[in-house]
Amino acid sequence: MNVFKERIKRIQAIMKSQSTDYLVVAPSANFFYLTGLRTTADERLQAYLVPAEGKPVMVLPEMYREAAEDVEENSFELLTWSDGTDPVDLLLPLIKGHSALAAIDERMWAGHFLQVRKAFSGFEFTGAAKIMRQVRMIKDHNEMSLLEMAGRLTDKVMAEVLKVIKPDISEKELAFFVEGKLKEYGAEELSFKPIVASGPNTSSPHHHTSERRLIPGDLVVLDFGGLFQGYCSDMTRTFSVGKASAEIKKIYQAVKDANEAGFQAVCAGISCEKVDEAVRDTISRAGYGQYFIHRTGHGIGLDIHEDPFIVSGNQETLQTGMTFSIEPGIYIPGQYGVRIEDIVGLSENGPIRFNNFPRELIEA
């Protein structure tokens, strides 16, 4: 059985267990995960309809027919519509029953949902995430390999960036350099807009890259990633422009120790919040607990942020095949901040890091 048919089989089993009659997927990571097809969301309706039983149906504008027919081992029936016609007319004969339940992709445009709901007269609606998260959270060996490759390529880009960090270069210039190197090394696109923060800007975890130029004594936080064969990478490192002060070295060591504590805590059966606790306790013992102001990590795969989330209150347990970030940080308001982020996968033999660029403080 090909990978997409196997995924549909698992999805349909979950749908039946949740008494869900139809799953409607829009152009999104879910769309690619279930079909292998990539399209661009726009004003034209695109919908992948998965019934609890039977073969899925792809409803697309005629302009995507060739791309859909070229999908290797496609596992769906293809129906296309032309501009000037109503695509809902293709859906109407496919929907059976009343007072049933349809799960709608949260990434579907509201306007498109208003269109498709006309075909679901009498239905109740729920989000698709409660179905999709169960299969997408657990990566297979191929997905793990792609994430590992993405991490290695991002390591290479970080090494290149380190060569150009020097006084007088601007945050924006560094960001442009990062973007260029990601694409040079094979990224299809960026996972997200790179975060480059320097000096006092490093105290803001999601600083918007500015025109500020580096000066001696600055810390520089670089957080970036690219999309490689559909899968995201994400890594953060913090550098010092010249010699770092004793206080900065102390903070950096606390963050580095917390990153390691989180990695060592990862194992099958531990809850997400316990990993977060291991990271947070390490920073608190160093005296900086109040300055760690965000969760420890997020899942990663086809989306840059997906389940599971490594955060206090999340009692979900880790399983083999889960992939997520561990990214502790300490942020002293108006002064400086330090963050070290790696992507971690839980393999049959325990946790593995997909990022292996040095975690020691580098004084550039």
Protein backbone atom coordinates (compact mmCIF):
# COMPACT_ATOMS: atom_id res chain seq x y z
CA MET A 1 0.00 0.00 0.00
CA ASN A 2 1.42 3.44 -0.91
CA VAL A 3 2.03 6.01 1.79
CA PHE A 4 -0.99 8.17 0.95
CA LYS A 5 -3.42 5.26 0.91
CA GLU A 6 -2.02 4.13 4.25
CA ARG A 7 -2.50 7.61 5.70
CA ILE A 8 -6.08 7.75 4.43
CA LYS A 9 -6.75 4.34 5.96
CA ARG A 10 -5.55 5.60 9.34
CA ILE A 11 -7.54 8.81 9.00
CA GLN A 12 -10.75 6.94 8.18
CA ALA A 13 -10.29 4.68 11.20
CA ILE A 14 -10.00 7.77 13.43
CA MET A 15 -13.02 9.36 11.74
CA LYS A 16 -15.13 6.30 12.52
CA SER A 17 -13.96 6.28 16.14
CA GLN A 18 -15.04 9.93 16.43
CA SER A 19 -18.32 9.48 14.51
CA THR A 20 -17.13 11.91 11.83
CA ASP A 21 -18.71 11.38 8.42
CA TYR A 22 -16.52 13.64 6.25
CA LEU A 23 -13.17 15.38 6.46
CA VAL A 24 -12.75 18.45 4.23
CA VAL A 25 -9.15 19.57 3.68
CA ALA A 26 -8.05 22.87 2.12
CA PRO A 27 -4.66 23.72 0.55
CA SER A 28 -2.41 23.34 3.60
CA ALA A 29 0.13 21.01 5.13
CA ASN A 30 -2.74 18.57 5.68
CA PHE A 31 -3.50 18.69 1.94
CA PHE A 32 0.11 17.84 1.04
CA TYR A 33 0.35 15.18 3.77
CA LEU A 34 -2.68 13.29 2.45
CA THR A 35 -2.18 13.72 -1.30
CA GLY A 36 1.39 14.72 -2.17
CA LEU A 37 -0.08 17.62 -4.16
CA ARG A 38 0.96 21.23 -3.67
CA THR A 39 -1.27 24.07 -4.82
CA THR A 40 -1.67 27.72 -3.88
CA ALA A 41 -4.68 28.87 -1.89
CA ASP A 42 -6.56 31.64 -3.65
CA GLU A 43 -10.12 32.78 -4.38
CA ARG A 44 -10.84 29.57 -6.29
CA LEU A 45 -12.25 26.75 -4.16
CA GLN A 46 -10.03 23.71 -3.68
CA ALA A 47 -11.22 20.90 -1.45
CA TYR A 48 -10.11 17.35 -0.65
CA LEU A 49 -13.12 15.38 0.58
CA VAL A 50 -12.44 12.26 2.67
CA PRO A 51 -15.51 10.15 3.55
CA ALA A 52 -15.43 7.84 6.55
CA GLU A 53 -15.69 5.01 4.03
CA GLY A 54 -14.74 4.90 0.37
CA LYS A 55 -12.36 6.74 -1.93
CA PRO A 56 -11.54 10.42 -1.32
CA VAL A 57 -12.44 13.03 -3.94
CA MET A 58 -10.32 16.00 -5.00
CA VAL A 59 -12.24 19.07 -6.23
CA LEU A 60 -9.94 21.50 -8.04
CA PRO A 61 -10.04 24.29 -10.61
CA GLU A 62 -9.36 22.98 -14.12
CA MET A 63 -6.03 24.81 -14.10
CA TYR A 64 -4.69 22.22 -11.60
CA ARG A 65 -5.78 19.12 -13.54
CA GLU A 66 -2.35 18.35 -14.99
CA ALA A 67 -0.59 18.75 -11.65
CA ALA A 68 -3.13 16.51 -9.92
CA GLU A 69 -2.90 13.83 -12.59
CA ASP A 70 0.89 13.85 -12.28
CA VAL A 71 0.83 13.03 -8.55
CA GLU A 72 2.57 9.69 -8.16
CA GLU A 73 0.30 6.92 -6.88
CA ASN A 74 -2.59 9.32 -6.32
CA SER A 75 -5.28 7.90 -4.07
CA PHE A 76 -8.25 10.08 -4.99
CA GLU A 77 -10.90 10.65 -7.63
CA LEU A 78 -10.31 13.96 -9.42
CA LEU A 79 -13.14 16.37 -10.26
CA THR A 80 -12.33 19.74 -11.82
CA TRP A 81 -14.38 22.86 -12.45
CA SER A 82 -14.00 25.79 -14.85
CA ASP A 83 -14.13 29.50 -14.12
CA GLY A 84 -17.71 30.69 -14.36
CA THR A 85 -19.17 27.50 -12.85
CA ASP A 86 -20.03 26.71 -9.22
CA PRO A 87 -17.69 24.10 -7.69
CA VAL A 88 -20.27 23.34 -5.01
CA ASP A 89 -22.28 21.62 -7.75
CA LEU A 90 -19.53 18.96 -7.78
CA LEU A 91 -19.81 18.46 -4.03
CA LEU A 92 -23.60 18.24 -3.76
CA PRO A 93 -24.01 14.69 -5.12
CA LEU A 94 -21.10 13.43 -3.00
CA ILE A 95 -22.56 14.31 0.41
CA LYS A 96 -24.87 11.73 1.94
CA GLY A 97 -26.98 11.99 5.06
CA HIS A 98 -28.28 14.72 7.33
CA SER A 99 -27.62 15.67 10.93
CA ALA A 100 -24.13 14.22 10.49
CA LEU A 101 -20.67 15.58 11.34
CA ALA A 102 -18.07 17.11 9.02
CA ALA A 103 -14.52 18.05 10.12
CA ILE A 104 -13.26 21.17 8.36
CA ASP A 105 -9.61 22.09 7.89
CA GLU A 106 -8.89 25.12 10.10
CA ARG A 107 -6.71 26.51 7.31
CA MET A 108 -9.68 26.78 4.92
CA TRP A 109 -10.55 30.36 4.05
CA ALA A 110 -13.79 31.50 5.68
CA GLY A 111 -15.23 32.38 2.27
CA HIS A 112 -14.58 28.87 1.01
CA PHE A 113 -16.16 27.35 4.11
CA LEU A 114 -19.28 29.42 3.48
CA GLN A 115 -19.34 27.91 -0.02
CA VAL A 116 -18.88 24.27 0.95
CA ARG A 117 -21.29 24.35 3.88
CA LYS A 118 -24.10 24.66 1.33
CA ALA A 119 -23.35 21.06 0.37
CA PHE A 120 -23.59 19.96 4.02
CA SER A 121 -27.21 20.84 4.76
CA GLY A 122 -28.14 19.79 8.30
CA PHE A 123 -24.57 18.87 9.25
CA GLU A 124 -22.70 19.88 12.36
CA PHE A 125 -19.10 21.05 11.96
CA THR A 126 -15.92 20.51 13.91
CA GLY A 127 -12.22 21.21 13.35
CA ALA A 128 -10.02 18.78 11.44
CA ALA A 129 -7.14 19.12 13.90
CA LYS A 130 -8.50 16.55 16.34
CA ILE A 131 -8.27 13.98 13.54
CA MET A 132 -5.14 15.11 11.70
CA ARG A 133 -2.96 15.70 14.78
CA GLN A 134 -3.11 12.02 15.70
CA VAL A 135 -1.40 10.92 12.49
CA ARG A 136 0.82 13.92 11.79
CA MET A 137 2.38 14.00 15.27
CA ILE A 138 4.00 10.60 14.74
CA LYS A 139 6.58 10.81 11.97
CA ASP A 140 7.58 7.73 10.01
CA HIS A 141 11.22 6.87 9.22
CA ASN A 142 11.16 8.83 5.96
CA GLU A 143 9.78 11.95 7.64
CA MET A 144 12.38 11.69 10.40
CA SER A 145 15.10 11.40 7.77
CA LEU A 146 13.85 14.50 5.95
CA LEU A 147 13.79 16.48 9.20
CA GLU A 148 17.30 15.30 10.02
CA MET A 149 18.51 16.37 6.58
CA ALA A 150 16.81 19.74 7.00
CA GLY A 151 18.62 20.18 10.31
CA ARG A 152 22.01 19.37 8.80
CA LEU A 153 21.53 21.87 6.01
CA THR A 154 20.51 24.54 8.52
CA ASP A 155 23.67 23.79 10.50
CA LYS A 156 25.67 24.53 7.33
CA VAL A 157 23.91 27.88 6.90
CA MET A 158 24.60 28.84 10.54
CA ALA A 159 28.30 28.13 9.98
CA GLU A 160 28.28 30.45 6.96
CA VAL A 161 26.48 33.19 8.90
CA LEU A 162 29.06 33.06 11.67
CA LYS A 163 31.73 34.06 9.13
CA VAL A 164 30.06 37.41 8.40
CA ILE A 165 29.07 38.48 11.93
CA LYS A 166 31.19 41.54 12.62
CA PRO A 167 30.81 45.12 13.83
CA ASP A 168 28.86 47.46 11.52
CA ILE A 169 26.88 44.78 9.66
CA SER A 170 23.14 45.37 10.15
CA GLU A 171 20.49 42.95 11.34
CA LYS A 172 18.76 43.23 7.97
CA GLU A 173 21.96 42.49 6.08
CA LEU A 174 22.44 39.37 8.19
CA ALA A 175 18.83 38.34 7.53
CA PHE A 176 19.28 38.74 3.76
CA PHE A 177 22.46 36.68 3.96
CA VAL A 178 20.61 33.92 5.84
CA GLU A 179 17.81 33.85 3.26
CA GLY A 180 20.27 33.62 0.39
CA LYS A 181 22.28 30.82 1.96
CA LEU A 182 19.17 28.80 2.84
CA LYS A 183 18.11 28.88 -0.80
CA GLU A 184 21.65 28.22 -2.02
CA TYR A 185 21.78 25.06 0.08
CA GLY A 186 18.48 23.77 -1.23
CA ALA A 187 15.63 25.29 0.76
CA GLU A 188 12.42 25.44 -1.28
CA GLU A 189 11.36 28.45 0.77
CA LEU A 190 11.79 29.86 4.27
CA SER A 191 10.13 28.14 7.22
CA PHE A 192 9.50 31.65 8.58
CA LYS A 193 10.98 35.12 8.30
CA PRO A 194 14.42 34.97 9.96
CA ILE A 195 14.79 36.57 13.37
CA VAL A 196 18.03 38.51 13.70
CA ALA A 197 18.38 40.53 16.91
CA SER A 198 21.40 42.39 18.26
CA GLY A 199 22.32 44.26 21.43
CA PRO A 200 19.27 45.30 23.47
CA ASN A 201 16.99 43.90 20.76
CA THR A 202 17.93 40.39 21.88
CA SER A 203 15.70 40.78 24.96
CA SER A 204 12.65 40.46 22.65
CA PRO A 205 12.21 36.77 21.70
CA HIS A 206 10.43 37.56 18.41
CA HIS A 207 12.20 40.79 17.54
CA HIS A 208 11.39 42.25 14.11
CA THR A 209 14.71 42.52 12.28
CA SER A 210 15.81 46.16 12.04
CA GLU A 211 18.43 48.44 10.52
CA ARG A 212 20.48 48.39 13.74
CA ARG A 213 24.18 47.77 13.15
CA LEU A 214 26.28 45.51 15.35
CA ILE A 215 28.83 46.98 17.71
CA PRO A 216 31.55 45.31 19.82
CA GLY A 217 30.13 43.70 22.93
CA ASP A 218 26.73 42.92 21.37
CA LEU A 219 24.97 39.63 21.64
CA VAL A 220 23.39 38.44 18.37
CA VAL A 221 20.47 36.01 18.30
CA LEU A 222 19.80 34.23 14.99
CA ASP A 223 16.65 32.11 14.64
CA PHE A 224 15.85 30.71 11.18
CA GLY A 225 14.93 27.68 9.13
CA GLY A 226 14.04 26.54 5.65
CA LEU A 227 11.69 24.11 3.97
CA PHE A 228 13.45 21.01 2.60
CA GLN A 229 11.32 18.55 0.58
CA GLY A 230 8.29 19.91 2.39
CA TYR A 231 9.67 19.60 5.93
CA CYS A 232 10.70 22.52 8.13
CA SER A 233 13.91 23.24 9.95
CA ASP A 234 14.30 25.66 12.85
CA MET A 235 17.37 26.56 14.89
CA THR A 236 18.54 29.37 17.16
CA ARG A 237 22.03 30.28 18.25
CA THR A 238 23.38 33.26 20.19
CA PHE A 239 26.82 34.76 19.50
CA SER A 240 28.88 37.47 21.13
CA VAL A 241 30.53 40.16 19.02
CA GLY A 242 33.91 40.11 20.71
CA LYS A 243 34.48 39.21 24.35
CA ALA A 244 31.41 38.54 26.48
CA SER A 245 31.07 39.83 30.03
CA ALA A 246 31.08 37.50 33.03
CA GLU A 247 27.34 38.06 33.53
CA ILE A 248 26.54 37.17 29.91
CA LYS A 249 28.68 34.03 30.20
CA LYS A 250 26.72 33.04 33.31
CA ILE A 251 23.39 33.55 31.55
CA TYR A 252 24.59 31.71 28.48
CA GLN A 253 25.71 28.74 30.56
CA ALA A 254 22.30 28.59 32.27
CA VAL A 255 20.55 28.46 28.89
CA LYS A 256 22.96 25.85 27.56
CA ASP A 257 22.45 23.70 30.68
CA ALA A 258 18.67 24.05 30.31
CA ASN A 259 18.84 22.98 26.66
CA GLU A 260 20.77 19.87 27.70
CA ALA A 261 18.41 19.16 30.62
CA GLY A 262 15.45 19.24 28.27
CA PHE A 263 17.16 16.90 25.81
CA GLN A 264 18.11 14.45 28.57
CA ALA A 265 14.54 14.45 29.92
CA VAL A 266 13.07 13.28 26.61
CA CYS A 267 11.89 9.68 26.58
CA ALA A 268 8.83 7.70 25.55
CA GLY A 269 6.04 8.06 28.10
CA ILE A 270 7.16 11.32 29.73
CA SER A 271 4.66 14.16 29.57
CA CYS A 272 5.36 17.29 27.56
CA GLU A 273 5.03 19.41 30.70
CA LYS A 274 7.72 17.36 32.48
CA VAL A 275 10.23 18.22 29.74
CA ASP A 276 9.24 21.87 30.09
CA GLU A 277 9.68 21.53 33.86
CA ALA A 278 13.20 20.11 33.51
CA VAL A 279 14.21 23.09 31.36
CA ARG A 280 12.48 25.66 33.56
CA ASP A 281 13.89 24.26 36.81
CA THR A 282 17.44 24.49 35.46
CA ILE A 283 17.01 28.17 34.63
CA SER A 284 15.31 28.86 37.97
CA ARG A 285 18.16 27.25 39.90
CA ALA A 286 20.56 29.58 38.12
CA GLY A 287 18.49 32.53 39.39
CA TYR A 288 16.83 33.58 36.13
CA GLY A 289 13.43 31.86 36.29
CA GLN A 290 11.43 35.06 35.88
CA TYR A 291 13.27 35.82 32.64
CA PHE A 292 12.28 32.63 30.81
CA ILE A 293 9.04 33.99 29.35
CA HIS A 294 7.89 31.45 26.76
CA ARG A 295 7.23 27.71 26.42
CA THR A 296 10.10 25.28 25.99
CA GLY A 297 9.12 24.08 22.54
CA HIS A 298 6.74 23.31 19.71
CA GLY A 299 6.22 20.37 17.40
CA ILE A 300 7.60 20.63 13.88
CA GLY A 301 7.12 18.82 10.58
CA LEU A 302 5.25 20.06 7.52
CA ASP A 303 4.29 23.08 9.65
CA ILE A 304 6.80 25.11 11.61
CA HIS A 305 4.53 24.98 14.68
CA GLU A 306 2.39 21.88 15.21
CA ASP A 307 1.64 19.34 17.94
CA PRO A 308 3.03 18.41 20.40
CA PHE A 309 3.74 21.58 22.40
CA ILE A 310 6.34 21.35 25.16
CA VAL A 311 4.64 23.57 27.71
CA SER A 312 3.40 23.57 31.28
CA GLY A 313 -0.09 22.09 31.51
CA ASN A 314 0.30 19.76 28.52
CA GLN A 315 0.03 16.26 29.97
CA GLU A 316 0.24 14.54 26.59
CA THR A 317 3.00 11.91 26.67
CA LEU A 318 5.83 11.72 24.18
CA GLN A 319 5.89 8.81 21.75
CA THR A 320 8.44 7.45 19.32
CA GLY A 321 8.25 9.48 16.11
CA MET A 322 7.43 12.82 17.72
CA THR A 323 9.60 15.79 16.73
CA PHE A 324 9.77 19.14 18.50
CA SER A 325 11.99 22.04 19.51
CA ILE A 326 13.78 22.58 22.79
CA GLU A 327 14.49 26.30 22.98
CA PRO A 328 15.12 27.78 26.42
CA GLY A 329 15.91 31.46 26.68
CA ILE A 330 16.70 34.15 29.22
CA TYR A 331 15.67 37.72 28.38
CA ILE A 332 16.75 40.67 30.57
CA PRO A 333 14.42 43.54 29.53
CA GLY A 334 16.14 46.36 27.65
CA GLN A 335 19.58 44.75 27.99
CA TYR A 336 20.14 41.39 26.30
CA GLY A 337 18.80 37.92 25.72
CA VAL A 338 20.12 34.42 25.00
CA ARG A 339 18.33 31.52 23.30
CA ILE A 340 19.59 28.12 22.13
CA GLU A 341 17.17 26.05 20.05
CA ASP A 342 17.50 22.56 18.64
CA ILE A 343 15.01 20.26 16.93
CA VAL A 344 14.75 16.90 18.69
CA GLY A 345 13.23 13.66 17.45
CA LEU A 346 12.28 10.71 19.64
CA SER A 347 13.60 7.57 17.95
CA GLU A 348 13.34 3.92 19.01
CA ASN A 349 16.74 4.38 20.67
CA GLY A 350 15.89 7.60 22.50
CA PRO A 351 16.16 11.30 21.63
CA ILE A 352 18.28 12.56 18.74
CA ARG A 353 19.14 16.12 17.79
CA PHE A 354 18.61 17.28 14.22
CA ASN A 355 20.80 20.36 14.86
CA ASN A 356 24.42 19.87 15.82
CA PHE A 357 25.99 23.29 15.29
CA PRO A 358 28.05 23.97 18.44
CA ARG A 359 26.13 25.07 21.52
CA GLU A 360 29.17 26.60 23.23
CA LEU A 361 29.33 30.41 23.43
CA ILE A 362 31.20 31.66 20.37
CA GLU A 363 32.82 35.09 20.62
CA ALA A 364 32.92 36.15 16.98
